[in-house]
Amino acid sequence: MSTQRETVIVSIIITVFCLCGISFFTPAKVSTGTVYSAVTLNNGNTLYGRLSGLGNSYPVLQDVFTLERKADAEGHESFVLTPRLNEWHAPKSTIINARHIVLVEPVAAYSRLGKLISRRSP
């Protein structure tokens, strides 16, 4: 009887540890709370787009933009929002290895960047 009871107790303990381990290793569903996000990579590049799968090993950016610095003849700098669809390979999405993400920030719809993106988005 005592052996049966110990077996049941050990089984319960193992089950609890397994369930805790599953919830510990399940990726959290994370969201910036905005439609567009700024994703800064460890190479210094920042991509802007609709981010999904944040918290997974390979999140996906869709409707991706970059900001390019332009200077006129007088040396005045400005930034131009460029859709990655205009690049030679016209990517519709970008899959990112999460280990290369340094920072993710929301892009507010009312911000200058948010307004530029909303004018350029389909």
Protein backbone atom coordinates (compact mmCIF):
# COMPACT_ATOMS: atom_id res chain seq x y z
CA MET A 1 0.00 0.00 0.00
CA SER A 2 2.82 2.37 0.91
CA THR A 3 4.62 1.66 -2.38
CA GLN A 4 1.46 2.42 -4.36
CA ARG A 5 1.03 5.70 -2.51
CA GLU A 6 4.65 6.68 -3.15
CA THR A 7 4.25 5.84 -6.84
CA VAL A 8 1.17 8.06 -7.08
CA ILE A 9 2.96 10.93 -5.32
CA VAL A 10 6.03 10.60 -7.55
CA SER A 11 3.77 10.50 -10.63
CA ILE A 12 2.00 13.68 -9.54
CA ILE A 13 5.31 15.44 -8.92
CA ILE A 14 6.67 14.41 -12.34
CA THR A 15 3.45 15.57 -14.03
CA VAL A 16 3.65 18.97 -12.32
CA PHE A 17 7.29 19.41 -13.37
CA CYS A 18 6.47 18.43 -16.96
CA LEU A 19 3.58 20.88 -17.16
CA CYS A 20 5.72 23.67 -15.72
CA GLY A 21 8.45 22.88 -18.23
CA ILE A 22 6.02 22.99 -21.14
CA SER A 23 4.72 26.41 -20.16
CA PHE A 24 8.27 27.65 -19.52
CA PHE A 25 9.50 26.65 -22.98
CA THR A 26 6.42 27.75 -24.92
CA PRO A 27 7.16 31.06 -26.67
CA ALA A 28 5.22 33.98 -25.26
CA LYS A 29 2.85 35.82 -27.57
CA VAL A 30 4.23 39.33 -27.58
CA SER A 31 2.79 42.33 -29.38
CA THR A 32 3.77 45.99 -29.65
CA GLY A 33 0.09 46.97 -29.69
CA THR A 34 0.39 48.90 -32.96
CA VAL A 35 -0.01 47.94 -36.61
CA TYR A 36 3.59 48.78 -37.50
CA SER A 37 6.79 48.14 -35.57
CA ALA A 38 10.39 49.27 -35.84
CA VAL A 39 12.77 46.30 -35.65
CA THR A 40 16.44 47.11 -35.08
CA LEU A 41 18.89 44.35 -35.92
CA ASN A 42 22.34 43.70 -34.48
CA ASN A 43 23.95 44.91 -37.73
CA GLY A 44 22.49 48.40 -37.13
CA ASN A 45 19.74 48.19 -39.76
CA THR A 46 16.18 49.09 -38.80
CA LEU A 47 13.22 47.66 -40.67
CA TYR A 48 9.66 48.92 -40.34
CA GLY A 49 6.64 46.75 -40.98
CA ARG A 50 3.76 44.65 -39.68
CA LEU A 51 5.40 42.26 -37.23
CA SER A 52 3.99 38.84 -36.39
CA GLY A 53 5.43 35.97 -34.41
CA LEU A 54 7.36 38.12 -31.96
CA GLY A 55 8.54 35.73 -29.25
CA ASN A 56 9.14 32.94 -31.79
CA SER A 57 12.53 31.97 -33.22
CA TYR A 58 11.72 33.48 -36.63
CA PRO A 59 9.28 36.42 -36.50
CA VAL A 60 7.97 37.76 -39.81
CA LEU A 61 7.77 41.36 -41.03
CA GLN A 62 5.28 42.11 -43.79
CA ASP A 63 4.75 45.34 -45.72
CA VAL A 64 8.39 46.17 -44.97
CA PHE A 65 9.97 49.61 -45.31
CA THR A 66 13.40 51.11 -44.74
CA LEU A 67 14.46 54.72 -44.24
CA GLU A 68 17.17 55.98 -46.55
CA ARG A 69 19.21 59.07 -45.82
CA LYS A 70 19.42 61.49 -48.74
CA ALA A 71 21.47 64.66 -49.03
CA ASP A 72 20.91 67.41 -51.57
CA ALA A 73 23.65 69.44 -53.31
CA GLU A 74 23.74 71.90 -50.41
CA GLY A 75 24.29 69.11 -47.87
CA HIS A 76 20.82 69.20 -46.30
CA GLU A 77 19.80 65.74 -45.16
CA SER A 78 16.38 64.20 -45.38
CA PHE A 79 14.98 60.71 -45.03
CA VAL A 80 13.00 58.81 -47.66
CA LEU A 81 10.68 55.94 -46.79
CA THR A 82 11.37 53.10 -49.22
CA PRO A 83 9.22 49.96 -49.52
CA ARG A 84 11.32 46.82 -49.83
CA LEU A 85 8.98 45.79 -52.65
CA ASN A 86 10.95 48.30 -54.75
CA GLU A 87 14.17 46.33 -54.28
CA TRP A 88 15.38 44.10 -57.10
CA HIS A 89 14.00 40.91 -55.51
CA ALA A 90 10.71 42.57 -54.36
CA PRO A 91 10.23 40.75 -51.06
CA LYS A 92 6.65 40.72 -49.74
CA SER A 93 7.88 39.69 -46.30
CA THR A 94 11.08 39.33 -44.32
CA ILE A 95 11.71 36.42 -41.97
CA ILE A 96 14.11 37.42 -39.22
CA ASN A 97 16.20 35.21 -36.97
CA ALA A 98 15.15 36.43 -33.51
CA ARG A 99 18.74 36.17 -32.25
CA HIS A 100 19.58 39.17 -34.48
CA ILE A 101 16.84 41.42 -33.09
CA VAL A 102 18.20 44.02 -30.69
CA LEU A 103 15.14 46.19 -30.22
CA VAL A 104 11.46 46.26 -31.20
CA GLU A 105 9.44 49.44 -30.81
CA PRO A 106 5.89 50.36 -31.79
CA VAL A 107 5.32 52.89 -34.56
CA ALA A 108 2.42 55.09 -33.48
CA ALA A 109 -0.16 55.76 -36.21
CA TYR A 110 -0.07 59.50 -35.38
CA SER A 111 3.74 59.75 -35.60
CA ARG A 112 5.44 61.23 -38.66
CA LEU A 113 6.65 57.77 -39.66
CA GLY A 114 3.25 56.20 -39.02
CA LYS A 115 1.56 58.77 -41.26
CA LEU A 116 4.14 58.24 -44.02
CA ILE A 117 3.66 54.47 -43.89
CA SER A 118 -0.15 54.74 -43.96
CA ARG A 119 0.08 56.85 -47.14
CA ARG A 120 2.39 54.31 -48.79
CA SER A 121 0.65 51.10 -47.66
CA PRO A 122 -1.81 49.28 -49.94
